Amino acid sequence: MTQTSENVTWLTQEAYNKLREELDYLTGRARTEIAAKIAAAREEGDLRENGGYHAAKEEQGKQELRVRQLTQLLENAQVGEAPATTDGTVAPGMVVTIAFDGDEDDTLAFLLASREYASSEIETYSPQSPLGGGVLGHKVGEDVEYELPNGRKASVRILKAEPYSG
């Protein structure tokens, strides 16, 4: 499970190992493969009109961005379980159930966690997302207003906040 608390990212050992494997691949075999693609495309001639070369360079840039993201994430990682709150306060690593505009029939349950932990089991919202940031630190029973990406305001009532047992 991935949970962010201030500058620390909490990871289970399994999540840490998975991210470490991805970083090792990207800094090893993937770099070698992309360098070979770039070299092969360069051999084809004029780089201004070489689509293969430009595609390989773009792929290389995306890989290096992901390397930087993973490196930073793993540098700030704390392996183990995050301290669980039991007082009903919404925190990373919790499954939060909300009602939109206080309507108990229009609800959503989601995991408040880093996108690295997103899965098909449950919808995941990061603490940096508008909804995630809006409910973070609030308690069960509170009505919370947050700003949508389009600048409008939305409100939700927090119905439940339980540690994720995934």
N, C-alpha and C. Protein backbone atom coordinates (compact mmCIF):
# COMPACT_ATOMS: atom_id res chain seq x y z
N MET A 1 0.85 -1.17 0.00
CA MET A 1 0.00 0.00 0.00
C MET A 1 0.90 1.23 0.00
N THR A 2 0.51 2.25 -0.69
CA THR A 2 1.24 3.48 -0.75
C THR A 2 0.44 4.54 -0.02
N GLN A 3 1.10 5.23 0.87
CA GLN A 3 0.43 6.28 1.61
C GLN A 3 1.41 7.44 1.75
N THR A 4 0.92 8.65 1.58
CA THR A 4 1.80 9.80 1.66
C THR A 4 1.45 10.59 2.90
N SER A 5 2.43 10.88 3.73
CA SER A 5 2.24 11.68 4.92
C SER A 5 3.37 12.69 4.93
N GLU A 6 3.03 13.96 4.73
CA GLU A 6 4.00 15.03 4.58
C GLU A 6 4.96 14.65 3.46
N ASN A 7 6.27 14.52 3.75
CA ASN A 7 7.23 14.18 2.68
C ASN A 7 7.58 12.71 2.65
N VAL A 8 6.95 11.91 3.52
CA VAL A 8 7.24 10.48 3.58
C VAL A 8 6.18 9.74 2.78
N THR A 9 6.61 8.79 1.98
CA THR A 9 5.68 7.92 1.28
C THR A 9 5.77 6.56 1.93
N TRP A 10 4.67 6.09 2.47
CA TRP A 10 4.62 4.78 3.11
C TRP A 10 4.36 3.73 2.06
N LEU A 11 5.18 2.69 2.06
CA LEU A 11 5.02 1.60 1.10
C LEU A 11 5.07 0.27 1.83
N THR A 12 4.25 -0.66 1.40
CA THR A 12 4.42 -2.03 1.88
C THR A 12 5.69 -2.56 1.24
N GLN A 13 6.21 -3.63 1.78
CA GLN A 13 7.41 -4.22 1.19
C GLN A 13 7.15 -4.65 -0.24
N GLU A 14 5.96 -5.18 -0.51
CA GLU A 14 5.59 -5.61 -1.85
C GLU A 14 5.59 -4.43 -2.83
N ALA A 15 4.98 -3.31 -2.43
CA ALA A 15 4.94 -2.13 -3.30
C ALA A 15 6.35 -1.58 -3.54
N TYR A 16 7.17 -1.54 -2.48
CA TYR A 16 8.54 -1.06 -2.60
C TYR A 16 9.31 -1.94 -3.59
N ASN A 17 9.19 -3.26 -3.45
CA ASN A 17 9.91 -4.18 -4.34
C ASN A 17 9.48 -4.00 -5.79
N LYS A 18 8.19 -3.82 -6.01
CA LYS A 18 7.67 -3.63 -7.37
C LYS A 18 8.24 -2.35 -8.00
N LEU A 19 8.23 -1.26 -7.24
CA LEU A 19 8.77 0.00 -7.76
C LEU A 19 10.28 -0.08 -7.95
N ARG A 20 10.98 -0.77 -7.06
CA ARG A 20 12.43 -0.94 -7.17
C ARG A 20 12.77 -1.74 -8.43
N GLU A 21 11.98 -2.80 -8.72
CA GLU A 21 12.19 -3.60 -9.93
C GLU A 21 12.00 -2.74 -11.18
N GLU A 22 10.96 -1.90 -11.17
CA GLU A 22 10.71 -1.02 -12.32
C GLU A 22 11.89 -0.07 -12.50
N LEU A 23 12.38 0.52 -11.42
CA LEU A 23 13.52 1.44 -11.51
C LEU A 23 14.76 0.72 -12.02
N ASP A 24 15.02 -0.48 -11.51
CA ASP A 24 16.18 -1.25 -11.97
C ASP A 24 16.09 -1.56 -13.46
N TYR A 25 14.90 -1.92 -13.93
CA TYR A 25 14.71 -2.19 -15.36
C TYR A 25 14.96 -0.92 -16.18
N LEU A 26 14.36 0.20 -15.75
CA LEU A 26 14.49 1.44 -16.51
C LEU A 26 15.92 1.96 -16.55
N THR A 27 16.68 1.74 -15.49
CA THR A 27 18.06 2.23 -15.46
C THR A 27 19.05 1.22 -16.03
N GLY A 28 18.59 0.02 -16.32
CA GLY A 28 19.45 -1.01 -16.89
C GLY A 28 19.09 -1.35 -18.31
N ARG A 29 18.33 -2.42 -18.45
CA ARG A 29 17.99 -2.95 -19.78
C ARG A 29 17.25 -1.95 -20.65
N ALA A 30 16.32 -1.20 -20.09
CA ALA A 30 15.54 -0.24 -20.89
C ALA A 30 16.43 0.86 -21.47
N ARG A 31 17.40 1.33 -20.68
CA ARG A 31 18.32 2.35 -21.20
C ARG A 31 19.15 1.80 -22.35
N THR A 32 19.60 0.57 -22.22
CA THR A 32 20.39 -0.06 -23.28
C THR A 32 19.56 -0.20 -24.55
N GLU A 33 18.30 -0.65 -24.37
CA GLU A 33 17.42 -0.84 -25.52
C GLU A 33 17.14 0.48 -26.24
N ILE A 34 16.86 1.53 -25.50
CA ILE A 34 16.53 2.81 -26.14
C ILE A 34 17.77 3.41 -26.80
N ALA A 35 18.93 3.22 -26.18
CA ALA A 35 20.17 3.71 -26.81
C ALA A 35 20.40 3.01 -28.14
N ALA A 36 20.10 1.71 -28.20
CA ALA A 36 20.25 0.95 -29.45
C ALA A 36 19.27 1.44 -30.50
N LYS A 37 18.03 1.75 -30.10
CA LYS A 37 17.03 2.27 -31.04
C LYS A 37 17.49 3.62 -31.61
N ILE A 38 18.01 4.47 -30.75
CA ILE A 38 18.47 5.79 -31.18
C ILE A 38 19.65 5.65 -32.15
N ALA A 39 20.59 4.76 -31.82
CA ALA A 39 21.76 4.54 -32.69
C ALA A 39 21.33 4.00 -34.04
N ALA A 40 20.39 3.05 -34.05
CA ALA A 40 19.92 2.48 -35.31
C ALA A 40 19.22 3.54 -36.16
N ALA A 41 18.41 4.38 -35.52
CA ALA A 41 17.70 5.43 -36.25
C ALA A 41 18.67 6.47 -36.78
N ARG A 42 19.72 6.75 -36.02
CA ARG A 42 20.73 7.74 -36.43
C ARG A 42 21.45 7.26 -37.69
N GLU A 43 21.62 5.95 -37.81
CA GLU A 43 22.30 5.36 -38.97
C GLU A 43 21.49 5.56 -40.26
N GLU A 44 20.18 5.82 -40.12
CA GLU A 44 19.31 5.95 -41.28
C GLU A 44 19.51 7.27 -42.03
N GLY A 45 20.24 8.20 -41.44
CA GLY A 45 20.52 9.43 -42.18
C GLY A 45 19.97 10.67 -41.53
N ASP A 46 19.52 11.60 -42.36
CA ASP A 46 19.08 12.94 -41.96
C ASP A 46 18.13 12.88 -40.76
N LEU A 47 18.57 13.45 -39.64
CA LEU A 47 17.79 13.38 -38.40
C LEU A 47 16.56 14.29 -38.43
N ARG A 48 16.57 15.33 -39.27
CA ARG A 48 15.42 16.25 -39.32
C ARG A 48 14.17 15.55 -39.84
N GLU A 49 14.32 14.58 -40.69
CA GLU A 49 13.17 13.90 -41.29
C GLU A 49 13.07 12.44 -40.85
N ASN A 50 13.70 12.11 -39.74
CA ASN A 50 13.77 10.73 -39.29
C ASN A 50 12.78 10.52 -38.14
N GLY A 51 11.59 10.02 -38.47
CA GLY A 51 10.54 9.80 -37.48
C GLY A 51 10.93 8.80 -36.42
N GLY A 52 11.65 7.76 -36.80
CA GLY A 52 12.09 6.74 -35.84
C GLY A 52 13.02 7.32 -34.79
N TYR A 53 13.91 8.21 -35.23
CA TYR A 53 14.85 8.85 -34.31
C TYR A 53 14.10 9.72 -33.30
N HIS A 54 13.17 10.54 -33.79
CA HIS A 54 12.42 11.44 -32.91
C HIS A 54 11.53 10.66 -31.94
N ALA A 55 10.93 9.58 -32.41
CA ALA A 55 10.11 8.74 -31.53
C ALA A 55 10.96 8.10 -30.43
N ALA A 56 12.14 7.63 -30.80
CA ALA A 56 13.03 7.01 -29.81
C ALA A 56 13.52 8.03 -28.79
N LYS A 57 13.82 9.24 -29.24
CA LYS A 57 14.26 10.29 -28.30
C LYS A 57 13.12 10.67 -27.35
N GLU A 58 11.89 10.72 -27.87
CA GLU A 58 10.74 11.03 -27.02
C GLU A 58 10.53 9.92 -25.99
N GLU A 59 10.65 8.67 -26.42
CA GLU A 59 10.53 7.54 -25.50
C GLU A 59 11.61 7.61 -24.43
N GLN A 60 12.81 7.99 -24.83
CA GLN A 60 13.91 8.12 -23.88
C GLN A 60 13.59 9.19 -22.83
N GLY A 61 13.03 10.31 -23.27
CA GLY A 61 12.68 11.38 -22.34
C GLY A 61 11.63 10.93 -21.33
N LYS A 62 10.64 10.17 -21.80
CA LYS A 62 9.60 9.66 -20.89
C LYS A 62 10.19 8.69 -19.88
N GLN A 63 11.09 7.84 -20.34
CA GLN A 63 11.74 6.89 -19.43
C GLN A 63 12.55 7.61 -18.36
N GLU A 64 13.29 8.63 -18.77
CA GLU A 64 14.12 9.35 -17.81
C GLU A 64 13.27 10.12 -16.80
N LEU A 65 12.13 10.64 -17.23
CA LEU A 65 11.21 11.29 -16.30
C LEU A 65 10.72 10.28 -15.26
N ARG A 66 10.35 9.10 -15.71
CA ARG A 66 9.88 8.06 -14.78
C ARG A 66 11.00 7.64 -13.84
N VAL A 67 12.23 7.58 -14.32
CA VAL A 67 13.38 7.25 -13.46
C VAL A 67 13.49 8.29 -12.35
N ARG A 68 13.37 9.57 -12.71
CA ARG A 68 13.46 10.63 -11.69
C ARG A 68 12.32 10.52 -10.68
N GLN A 69 11.09 10.24 -11.17
CA GLN A 69 9.94 10.10 -10.28
C GLN A 69 10.14 8.94 -9.30
N LEU A 70 10.55 7.80 -9.83
CA LEU A 70 10.75 6.63 -8.97
C LEU A 70 11.88 6.84 -7.98
N THR A 71 12.97 7.46 -8.43
CA THR A 71 14.10 7.72 -7.55
C THR A 71 13.66 8.59 -6.37
N GLN A 72 12.94 9.66 -6.66
CA GLN A 72 12.47 10.55 -5.61
C GLN A 72 11.50 9.83 -4.67
N LEU A 73 10.57 9.07 -5.24
CA LEU A 73 9.60 8.35 -4.44
C LEU A 73 10.29 7.37 -3.50
N LEU A 74 11.23 6.59 -4.02
CA LEU A 74 11.90 5.58 -3.21
C LEU A 74 12.85 6.19 -2.18
N GLU A 75 13.43 7.37 -2.49
CA GLU A 75 14.28 8.05 -1.52
C GLU A 75 13.48 8.47 -0.29
N ASN A 76 12.21 8.84 -0.50
CA ASN A 76 11.35 9.30 0.60
C ASN A 76 10.45 8.20 1.14
N ALA A 77 10.71 6.96 0.74
CA ALA A 77 9.83 5.86 1.15
C ALA A 77 10.16 5.37 2.54
N GLN A 78 9.12 5.03 3.25
CA GLN A 78 9.23 4.35 4.54
C GLN A 78 8.52 3.02 4.33
N VAL A 79 9.25 1.92 4.48
CA VAL A 79 8.67 0.61 4.25
C VAL A 79 8.04 0.12 5.55
N GLY A 80 6.83 -0.36 5.44
CA GLY A 80 6.07 -0.83 6.60
C GLY A 80 4.67 -0.29 6.51
N GLU A 81 3.96 -0.33 7.57
CA GLU A 81 2.60 0.17 7.59
C GLU A 81 2.58 1.57 8.21
N ALA A 82 1.81 2.44 7.62
CA ALA A 82 1.67 3.79 8.15
C ALA A 82 0.86 3.74 9.44
N PRO A 83 1.09 4.71 10.30
CA PRO A 83 0.27 4.76 11.51
C PRO A 83 -1.20 4.92 11.13
N ALA A 84 -2.04 4.05 11.63
CA ALA A 84 -3.46 4.12 11.30
C ALA A 84 -4.17 5.04 12.28
N THR A 85 -5.03 5.89 11.75
CA THR A 85 -5.81 6.74 12.64
C THR A 85 -7.09 5.99 12.98
N THR A 86 -7.48 6.08 14.21
CA THR A 86 -8.69 5.38 14.64
C THR A 86 -9.76 6.35 15.11
N ASP A 87 -9.49 7.64 14.95
CA ASP A 87 -10.45 8.64 15.44
C ASP A 87 -11.38 9.14 14.33
N GLY A 88 -11.40 8.46 13.17
CA GLY A 88 -12.29 8.86 12.09
C GLY A 88 -11.74 9.95 11.20
N THR A 89 -10.47 10.30 11.38
CA THR A 89 -9.84 11.32 10.54
C THR A 89 -9.36 10.69 9.25
N VAL A 90 -9.66 11.32 8.13
CA VAL A 90 -9.24 10.81 6.82
C VAL A 90 -7.73 11.01 6.67
N ALA A 91 -7.05 9.92 6.31
CA ALA A 91 -5.60 9.95 6.12
C ALA A 91 -5.25 9.05 4.94
N PRO A 92 -4.06 9.24 4.36
CA PRO A 92 -3.64 8.35 3.28
C PRO A 92 -3.66 6.90 3.75
N GLY A 93 -4.03 6.01 2.84
CA GLY A 93 -4.09 4.60 3.16
C GLY A 93 -5.45 4.15 3.67
N MET A 94 -6.43 5.06 3.61
CA MET A 94 -7.76 4.73 4.09
C MET A 94 -8.74 4.63 2.93
N VAL A 95 -9.74 3.78 3.11
CA VAL A 95 -10.86 3.74 2.18
C VAL A 95 -11.87 4.73 2.72
N VAL A 96 -12.18 5.71 1.90
CA VAL A 96 -13.07 6.80 2.30
C VAL A 96 -14.38 6.65 1.52
N THR A 97 -15.48 6.75 2.23
CA THR A 97 -16.79 6.73 1.58
C THR A 97 -17.40 8.11 1.78
N ILE A 98 -17.81 8.71 0.66
CA ILE A 98 -18.38 10.05 0.69
C ILE A 98 -19.75 10.06 0.03
N ALA A 99 -20.53 11.06 0.39
CA ALA A 99 -21.81 11.31 -0.27
C ALA A 99 -21.70 12.66 -0.94
N PHE A 100 -22.04 12.72 -2.22
CA PHE A 100 -21.98 13.98 -2.96
C PHE A 100 -23.13 14.88 -2.55
N ASP A 101 -22.82 16.13 -2.27
CA ASP A 101 -23.81 17.13 -1.85
C ASP A 101 -24.70 16.61 -0.73
N GLY A 102 -24.14 15.77 0.13
CA GLY A 102 -24.89 15.26 1.27
C GLY A 102 -25.95 14.23 0.91
N ASP A 103 -26.05 13.82 -0.35
CA ASP A 103 -27.06 12.86 -0.81
C ASP A 103 -26.58 11.44 -0.49
N GLU A 104 -27.16 10.82 0.52
CA GLU A 104 -26.73 9.50 0.99
C GLU A 104 -26.91 8.41 -0.07
N ASP A 105 -27.65 8.69 -1.15
CA ASP A 105 -27.84 7.71 -2.22
C ASP A 105 -26.78 7.85 -3.31
N ASP A 106 -26.08 8.97 -3.35
CA ASP A 106 -25.05 9.23 -4.37
C ASP A 106 -23.70 9.18 -3.67
N THR A 107 -23.15 7.95 -3.52
CA THR A 107 -21.93 7.79 -2.75
C THR A 107 -20.79 7.25 -3.61
N LEU A 108 -19.59 7.38 -3.08
CA LEU A 108 -18.39 6.87 -3.73
C LEU A 108 -17.45 6.40 -2.63
N ALA A 109 -16.89 5.21 -2.79
CA ALA A 109 -15.85 4.72 -1.89
C ALA A 109 -14.56 4.67 -2.69
N PHE A 110 -13.49 5.19 -2.13
CA PHE A 110 -12.21 5.20 -2.83
C PHE A 110 -11.06 5.06 -1.85
N LEU A 111 -9.93 4.63 -2.37
CA LEU A 111 -8.71 4.53 -1.59
C LEU A 111 -7.96 5.84 -1.73
N LEU A 112 -7.59 6.45 -0.62
CA LEU A 112 -6.79 7.67 -0.65
C LEU A 112 -5.34 7.24 -0.57
N ALA A 113 -4.66 7.27 -1.72
CA ALA A 113 -3.28 6.77 -1.78
C ALA A 113 -2.60 7.33 -3.02
N SER A 114 -1.31 7.14 -3.09
CA SER A 114 -0.51 7.57 -4.22
C SER A 114 -0.92 6.79 -5.47
N ARG A 115 -0.75 7.38 -6.63
CA ARG A 115 -1.15 6.72 -7.88
C ARG A 115 -0.34 5.45 -8.14
N GLU A 116 0.80 5.30 -7.51
CA GLU A 116 1.58 4.08 -7.68
C GLU A 116 0.85 2.87 -7.14
N TYR A 117 -0.17 3.09 -6.30
CA TYR A 117 -0.90 1.97 -5.75
C TYR A 117 -2.24 1.75 -6.43
N ALA A 118 -2.54 2.54 -7.44
CA ALA A 118 -3.81 2.39 -8.14
C ALA A 118 -3.98 0.96 -8.64
N SER A 119 -5.16 0.42 -8.48
CA SER A 119 -5.43 -0.94 -8.93
C SER A 119 -6.86 -1.00 -9.45
N SER A 120 -7.22 -2.14 -9.99
CA SER A 120 -8.58 -2.30 -10.50
C SER A 120 -9.55 -2.67 -9.39
N GLU A 121 -9.03 -3.02 -8.21
CA GLU A 121 -9.89 -3.43 -7.10
C GLU A 121 -10.76 -2.28 -6.60
N ILE A 122 -10.17 -1.12 -6.44
CA ILE A 122 -10.88 0.02 -5.89
C ILE A 122 -10.34 1.29 -6.54
N GLU A 123 -11.22 2.23 -6.77
CA GLU A 123 -10.79 3.50 -7.35
C GLU A 123 -9.83 4.18 -6.38
N THR A 124 -8.79 4.79 -6.90
CA THR A 124 -7.77 5.42 -6.06
C THR A 124 -7.68 6.90 -6.39
N TYR A 125 -7.70 7.72 -5.35
CA TYR A 125 -7.50 9.16 -5.50
C TYR A 125 -6.27 9.52 -4.69
N SER A 126 -5.40 10.33 -5.28
CA SER A 126 -4.20 10.75 -4.58
C SER A 126 -4.55 11.88 -3.61
N PRO A 127 -3.77 12.02 -2.55
CA PRO A 127 -3.99 13.14 -1.63
C PRO A 127 -3.79 14.51 -2.30
N GLN A 128 -3.14 14.52 -3.48
CA GLN A 128 -2.92 15.77 -4.22
C GLN A 128 -4.07 16.08 -5.17
N SER A 129 -4.99 15.14 -5.37
CA SER A 129 -6.13 15.39 -6.26
C SER A 129 -7.11 16.33 -5.56
N PRO A 130 -7.97 17.01 -6.32
CA PRO A 130 -8.93 17.91 -5.68
C PRO A 130 -9.78 17.23 -4.60
N LEU A 131 -10.36 16.07 -4.93
CA LEU A 131 -11.19 15.38 -3.95
C LEU A 131 -10.36 14.83 -2.80
N GLY A 132 -9.24 14.18 -3.12
CA GLY A 132 -8.37 13.62 -2.09
C GLY A 132 -7.86 14.68 -1.13
N GLY A 133 -7.38 15.79 -1.69
CA GLY A 133 -6.91 16.89 -0.84
C GLY A 133 -8.03 17.54 -0.06
N GLY A 134 -9.23 17.53 -0.63
CA GLY A 134 -10.38 18.13 0.04
C GLY A 134 -10.79 17.39 1.30
N VAL A 135 -10.73 16.05 1.26
CA VAL A 135 -11.17 15.27 2.42
C VAL A 135 -10.04 14.98 3.41
N LEU A 136 -8.81 15.09 2.96
CA LEU A 136 -7.65 14.78 3.80
C LEU A 136 -7.67 15.60 5.09
N GLY A 137 -7.56 14.91 6.21
CA GLY A 137 -7.50 15.58 7.51
C GLY A 137 -8.86 15.88 8.12
N HIS A 138 -9.92 15.66 7.38
CA HIS A 138 -11.27 15.90 7.91
C HIS A 138 -11.80 14.62 8.55
N LYS A 139 -12.86 14.76 9.34
CA LYS A 139 -13.39 13.62 10.08
C LYS A 139 -14.72 13.13 9.52
N VAL A 140 -15.02 11.87 9.84
CA VAL A 140 -16.30 11.28 9.47
C VAL A 140 -17.42 12.16 10.00
N GLY A 141 -18.41 12.39 9.14
CA GLY A 141 -19.55 13.22 9.52
C GLY A 141 -19.43 14.67 9.06
N GLU A 142 -18.22 15.10 8.70
CA GLU A 142 -18.03 16.48 8.27
C GLU A 142 -18.45 16.67 6.81
N ASP A 143 -18.96 17.87 6.53
CA ASP A 143 -19.21 18.30 5.17
C ASP A 143 -17.98 19.08 4.71
N VAL A 144 -17.49 18.74 3.53
CA VAL A 144 -16.25 19.34 3.02
C VAL A 144 -16.51 19.94 1.65
N GLU A 145 -16.01 21.14 1.43
CA GLU A 145 -16.09 21.76 0.11
C GLU A 145 -14.69 21.78 -0.48
N TYR A 146 -14.59 21.48 -1.76
CA TYR A 146 -13.29 21.49 -2.44
C TYR A 146 -13.48 22.07 -3.83
N GLU A 147 -12.35 22.48 -4.42
CA GLU A 147 -12.41 23.12 -5.74
C GLU A 147 -12.14 22.10 -6.84
N LEU A 148 -13.01 22.10 -7.84
CA LEU A 148 -12.86 21.22 -9.01
C LEU A 148 -11.85 21.85 -9.98
N PRO A 149 -11.29 21.06 -10.90
CA PRO A 149 -10.33 21.61 -11.86
C PRO A 149 -10.88 22.77 -12.68
N ASN A 150 -12.21 22.82 -12.89
CA ASN A 150 -12.79 23.91 -13.68
C ASN A 150 -13.05 25.17 -12.86
N GLY A 151 -12.65 25.15 -11.57
CA GLY A 151 -12.81 26.31 -10.71
C GLY A 151 -14.09 26.32 -9.90
N ARG A 152 -15.02 25.46 -10.22
CA ARG A 152 -16.27 25.37 -9.46
C ARG A 152 -16.02 24.67 -8.14
N LYS A 153 -16.95 24.83 -7.22
CA LYS A 153 -16.85 24.18 -5.92
C LYS A 153 -17.78 22.97 -5.89
N ALA A 154 -17.40 21.97 -5.15
CA ALA A 154 -18.24 20.79 -4.93
C ALA A 154 -18.19 20.48 -3.44
N SER A 155 -19.24 19.85 -2.96
CA SER A 155 -19.22 19.49 -1.54
C SER A 155 -19.59 18.03 -1.37
N VAL A 156 -18.99 17.42 -0.36
CA VAL A 156 -19.24 16.03 -0.03
C VAL A 156 -19.35 15.91 1.49
N ARG A 157 -20.03 14.86 1.91
CA ARG A 157 -20.07 14.51 3.33
C ARG A 157 -19.26 13.23 3.48
N ILE A 158 -18.39 13.20 4.46
CA ILE A 158 -17.57 12.01 4.72
C ILE A 158 -18.41 11.05 5.56
N LEU A 159 -18.68 9.88 4.99
CA LEU A 159 -19.51 8.89 5.68
C LEU A 159 -18.68 7.87 6.46
N LYS A 160 -17.54 7.44 5.87
CA LYS A 160 -16.68 6.45 6.52
C LYS A 160 -15.23 6.71 6.15
N ALA A 161 -14.32 6.33 7.02
CA ALA A 161 -12.89 6.37 6.75
C ALA A 161 -12.28 5.20 7.52
N GLU A 162 -11.89 4.16 6.77
CA GLU A 162 -11.38 2.94 7.39
C GLU A 162 -10.03 2.58 6.78
N PRO A 163 -9.10 2.09 7.58
CA PRO A 163 -7.81 1.67 7.02
C PRO A 163 -8.01 0.62 5.93
N TYR A 164 -7.27 0.76 4.84
CA TYR A 164 -7.35 -0.18 3.72
C TYR A 164 -6.68 -1.49 4.13
N SER A 165 -7.33 -2.59 3.88
CA SER A 165 -6.77 -3.88 4.26
C SER A 165 -6.34 -4.70 3.05
N GLY A 166 -6.52 -4.12 1.84
CA GLY A 166 -6.21 -4.64 0.55
C GLY A 166 -5.69 -5.98 0.44
